Amino acid sequence: MAYATLEELKSATGEDRLLRMSGQNSSEDSESYFTRQLEASSGMIDSYLSRRYSVPVDTTGDVSLAAAL
């Protein structure tokens, strides 16, 4: 389970900026790059939280929790 989606990242950052940040040549390559990064980030979050909580954390309906992660 990802704690953030590619669409949320695009909305917060903007597609043009994401393309520049990724260093990729096309938006398709950039999307693939950031999808992998979001998955890796979710895994890292889970690795820290699993010491104390059941993971993945269900953020459905809890805007403040989702924002904190």
N, C-alpha and C. Protein backbone atom coordinates (compact mmCIF):
# COMPACT_ATOMS: atom_id res chain seq x y z
N MET A 1 0.84 -1.18 0.00
CA MET A 1 0.00 0.00 0.00
C MET A 1 0.88 1.24 0.00
N ALA A 2 0.66 2.10 -0.93
CA ALA A 2 1.41 3.35 -0.99
C ALA A 2 0.71 4.41 -0.13
N TYR A 3 1.49 5.20 0.55
CA TYR A 3 0.94 6.27 1.38
C TYR A 3 0.67 7.52 0.57
N ALA A 4 1.20 7.59 -0.63
CA ALA A 4 0.94 8.69 -1.54
C ALA A 4 0.86 8.11 -2.95
N THR A 5 0.04 8.71 -3.76
CA THR A 5 -0.10 8.25 -5.14
C THR A 5 0.63 9.20 -6.08
N LEU A 6 0.85 8.72 -7.27
CA LEU A 6 1.48 9.56 -8.29
C LEU A 6 0.61 10.78 -8.58
N GLU A 7 -0.68 10.59 -8.60
CA GLU A 7 -1.60 11.71 -8.85
C GLU A 7 -1.49 12.77 -7.75
N GLU A 8 -1.36 12.33 -6.51
CA GLU A 8 -1.20 13.29 -5.40
C GLU A 8 0.12 14.04 -5.53
N LEU A 9 1.16 13.33 -5.92
CA LEU A 9 2.47 13.96 -6.11
C LEU A 9 2.41 14.98 -7.25
N LYS A 10 1.77 14.60 -8.34
CA LYS A 10 1.62 15.54 -9.47
C LYS A 10 0.84 16.77 -9.06
N SER A 11 -0.22 16.57 -8.30
CA SER A 11 -1.06 17.68 -7.86
C SER A 11 -0.28 18.63 -6.96
N ALA A 12 0.53 18.08 -6.08
CA ALA A 12 1.28 18.90 -5.14
C ALA A 12 2.49 19.59 -5.78
N THR A 13 3.07 18.96 -6.78
CA THR A 13 4.33 19.43 -7.33
C THR A 13 4.21 20.01 -8.74
N GLY A 14 3.34 19.45 -9.54
CA GLY A 14 3.21 19.86 -10.93
C GLY A 14 3.99 18.93 -11.84
N GLU A 15 3.39 18.57 -12.96
CA GLU A 15 4.01 17.60 -13.87
C GLU A 15 5.32 18.10 -14.46
N ASP A 16 5.37 19.38 -14.83
CA ASP A 16 6.60 19.92 -15.43
C ASP A 16 7.77 19.84 -14.45
N ARG A 17 7.50 20.20 -13.21
CA ARG A 17 8.56 20.17 -12.20
C ARG A 17 9.01 18.73 -11.93
N LEU A 18 8.06 17.79 -11.89
CA LEU A 18 8.43 16.39 -11.69
C LEU A 18 9.33 15.88 -12.81
N LEU A 19 9.01 16.25 -14.03
CA LEU A 19 9.82 15.84 -15.17
C LEU A 19 11.24 16.37 -15.03
N ARG A 20 11.37 17.63 -14.64
CA ARG A 20 12.71 18.21 -14.44
C ARG A 20 13.45 17.53 -13.28
N MET A 21 12.74 17.27 -12.19
CA MET A 21 13.36 16.66 -11.01
C MET A 21 13.83 15.23 -11.28
N SER A 22 13.11 14.52 -12.12
CA SER A 22 13.44 13.11 -12.36
C SER A 22 14.67 12.94 -13.24
N GLY A 23 14.94 13.92 -14.08
CA GLY A 23 16.06 13.80 -15.00
C GLY A 23 15.77 12.84 -16.15
N GLN A 24 14.51 12.49 -16.33
CA GLN A 24 14.11 11.57 -17.39
C GLN A 24 13.77 12.37 -18.65
N ASN A 25 13.68 11.68 -19.77
CA ASN A 25 13.44 12.35 -21.05
C ASN A 25 11.97 12.49 -21.42
N SER A 26 11.11 11.70 -20.81
CA SER A 26 9.70 11.77 -21.15
C SER A 26 8.86 11.69 -19.89
N SER A 27 7.60 12.11 -20.00
CA SER A 27 6.72 12.05 -18.83
C SER A 27 6.44 10.60 -18.43
N GLU A 28 6.44 9.69 -19.42
CA GLU A 28 6.23 8.27 -19.11
C GLU A 28 7.39 7.72 -18.27
N ASP A 29 8.62 8.06 -18.64
CA ASP A 29 9.78 7.65 -17.86
C ASP A 29 9.76 8.29 -16.48
N SER A 30 9.36 9.55 -16.42
CA SER A 30 9.28 10.26 -15.15
C SER A 30 8.24 9.62 -14.24
N GLU A 31 7.09 9.24 -14.78
CA GLU A 31 6.05 8.60 -13.98
C GLU A 31 6.55 7.27 -13.44
N SER A 32 7.24 6.50 -14.25
CA SER A 32 7.79 5.22 -13.82
C SER A 32 8.80 5.43 -12.70
N TYR A 33 9.65 6.43 -12.86
CA TYR A 33 10.66 6.75 -11.85
C TYR A 33 10.00 7.10 -10.52
N PHE A 34 9.02 8.00 -10.55
CA PHE A 34 8.39 8.44 -9.30
C PHE A 34 7.49 7.36 -8.70
N THR A 35 6.91 6.50 -9.51
CA THR A 35 6.14 5.38 -8.97
C THR A 35 7.06 4.47 -8.16
N ARG A 36 8.24 4.19 -8.69
CA ARG A 36 9.21 3.37 -7.96
C ARG A 36 9.65 4.07 -6.67
N GLN A 37 9.85 5.38 -6.74
CA GLN A 37 10.28 6.13 -5.55
C GLN A 37 9.19 6.13 -4.47
N LEU A 38 7.92 6.28 -4.89
CA LEU A 38 6.82 6.26 -3.94
C LEU A 38 6.70 4.89 -3.27
N GLU A 39 6.88 3.82 -4.04
CA GLU A 39 6.84 2.47 -3.49
C GLU A 39 7.98 2.26 -2.49
N ALA A 40 9.16 2.73 -2.83
CA ALA A 40 10.31 2.60 -1.93
C ALA A 40 10.09 3.40 -0.65
N SER A 41 9.52 4.59 -0.79
CA SER A 41 9.25 5.43 0.38
C SER A 41 8.23 4.77 1.29
N SER A 42 7.20 4.18 0.71
CA SER A 42 6.19 3.48 1.51
C SER A 42 6.81 2.31 2.26
N GLY A 43 7.71 1.60 1.60
CA GLY A 43 8.41 0.50 2.26
C GLY A 43 9.26 0.99 3.42
N MET A 44 9.90 2.13 3.24
CA MET A 44 10.72 2.69 4.31
C MET A 44 9.85 3.12 5.49
N ILE A 45 8.73 3.75 5.20
CA ILE A 45 7.80 4.15 6.26
C ILE A 45 7.35 2.90 7.03
N ASP A 46 6.96 1.86 6.30
CA ASP A 46 6.51 0.62 6.94
C ASP A 46 7.61 0.01 7.80
N SER A 47 8.85 0.06 7.35
CA SER A 47 9.94 -0.55 8.11
C SER A 47 10.11 0.14 9.46
N TYR A 48 9.94 1.45 9.51
CA TYR A 48 10.05 2.17 10.78
C TYR A 48 8.81 1.94 11.65
N LEU A 49 7.64 2.02 11.05
CA LEU A 49 6.41 1.89 11.83
C LEU A 49 6.17 0.47 12.32
N SER A 50 6.68 -0.53 11.61
CA SER A 50 6.40 -1.92 11.97
C SER A 50 7.00 -2.31 13.32
N ARG A 51 7.92 -1.52 13.80
CA ARG A 51 8.49 -1.79 15.12
C ARG A 51 7.46 -1.59 16.23
N ARG A 52 6.46 -0.77 15.92
CA ARG A 52 5.50 -0.41 16.95
C ARG A 52 4.05 -0.63 16.55
N TYR A 53 3.77 -0.62 15.25
CA TYR A 53 2.39 -0.67 14.78
C TYR A 53 2.22 -1.75 13.72
N SER A 54 0.98 -2.11 13.51
CA SER A 54 0.64 -3.00 12.41
C SER A 54 0.69 -2.20 11.11
N VAL A 55 1.36 -2.71 10.12
CA VAL A 55 1.50 -1.99 8.85
C VAL A 55 0.94 -2.82 7.71
N PRO A 56 0.54 -2.24 6.62
CA PRO A 56 0.54 -0.81 6.36
C PRO A 56 -0.54 -0.10 7.17
N VAL A 57 -0.28 1.13 7.51
CA VAL A 57 -1.21 1.94 8.27
C VAL A 57 -2.37 2.34 7.37
N ASP A 58 -3.58 2.14 7.85
CA ASP A 58 -4.77 2.51 7.08
C ASP A 58 -5.06 3.99 7.31
N THR A 59 -4.84 4.78 6.29
CA THR A 59 -5.07 6.22 6.41
C THR A 59 -6.42 6.66 5.83
N THR A 60 -7.23 5.70 5.43
CA THR A 60 -8.53 6.00 4.83
C THR A 60 -9.39 6.77 5.82
N GLY A 61 -9.84 7.93 5.40
CA GLY A 61 -10.75 8.73 6.22
C GLY A 61 -10.08 9.54 7.29
N ASP A 62 -8.79 9.45 7.46
CA ASP A 62 -8.08 10.22 8.49
C ASP A 62 -7.10 11.17 7.79
N VAL A 63 -7.58 12.35 7.48
CA VAL A 63 -6.79 13.31 6.72
C VAL A 63 -5.53 13.72 7.46
N SER A 64 -5.61 13.93 8.77
CA SER A 64 -4.42 14.37 9.54
C SER A 64 -3.35 13.28 9.58
N LEU A 65 -3.77 12.02 9.70
CA LEU A 65 -2.80 10.93 9.68
C LEU A 65 -2.16 10.79 8.32
N ALA A 66 -2.97 10.88 7.27
CA ALA A 66 -2.45 10.78 5.92
C ALA A 66 -1.46 11.91 5.65
N ALA A 67 -1.74 13.10 6.14
CA ALA A 67 -0.84 14.24 5.94
C ALA A 67 0.47 14.04 6.70
N ALA A 68 0.40 13.41 7.86
CA ALA A 68 1.61 13.19 8.66
C ALA A 68 2.54 12.17 8.00
N LEU A 69 1.97 11.23 7.28
CA LEU A 69 2.80 10.24 6.62
C LEU A 69 3.23 10.75 5.27
